[in-house]
Amino acid sequence: MTLFLRRKQAASSHDTFNAQRLTRLPEDRISSLTLRVSNPDRLAAFYCDVLGMQLVDGYGGQAVSYTGQGAALILSPCDGPETYQHDPSDRYWKIAITLPDLDIAYAQLQARGIEVTQPNQFRDIAYMSHMTDPEGHVIELIQHNFLGNPLTKQGDRTLSLGGGANIGLITLRTSDIETDLSFCRDELGMRYLSRQDVPDLNFCLYFLGFSQEATPVPNVDAVENREWLWQRPYTVLEFQYRKDDVIRHRPENSIGAASVQIEAGNNAFRSIR
């Protein structure tokens, strides 16, 4: 993992300097994820026309997001193959779009000819589905509530994905969870919100965010916290911990994810790779 601190509008190397601990302010948030892509315009059109995001300014390049507190996607041009070949050993895994009504979102995507998996209640974790964007980046769709529980809001068939969508998660992989947790809590000031263990599949999920909201149950392993987590209006950082795997960072300037940006209350950014 690398860390650096830069001013919000920095665009050159002289604005990058050694990391130092920041006093965390309430405005701290996960603000964006930078993806290095072969065709930013085509990808922005997909995220806007199919997934209901909007073009946004202020990120120094092509960027899209939902309205509200969630992170933006910065689509940075990169020379290389037209598609990203995801590998289970990659440090970066996916974004998760959280929404009120997954069945409506699924029906819309199918009607548009988008390849998307059948929604499924995965254990006591989430009612979810998966797809990729046109360049191969993985997108998870997570409903606010478990299958069979009352919806937070009935989906609107006239809106993209039924409305109410947000980039709820950015997911990284790790084989050293204690180092990542220490970094996020002690250096960045994030709160440990939830742990979701899947021992038979040899991984455990850890979730951290900047909010001071109290979880429904203080125990991070509590199932009761999970639907609450999918309903947050801001973006949460997820780690998939795979103890025995070798997790790799892709070479800098290669196609794929570059970094996750943390916006601090003093108008500075920190980044995680």
Foldseek 3Di string as FASTA:
>chain_A
DDKWKFFQPDDDPVRTDDDDFDDFDLPKFQAEWEFAAADLVVQLCCCCVAQNWDFDDRRNATWTFHPFAAYIYHYHYFDDDRADDDDPQAQWAAWEKEAQDQVLLVVSCVVVVFDKDDFDQDDLFFGWIWGAGPRGGIYIYTHLDGPPDDTPDQFDNVGRSSDDIGRAETEGEDQCVVVVVCCCCVRVVWDWAAKEDDPVVQKIKTKTTSDPDDAPDNDRHDSSRRSVSSNDRYYIYMYIHRNPGNHDYDDPSYGTIDWTWIQGPVSMIMTDD
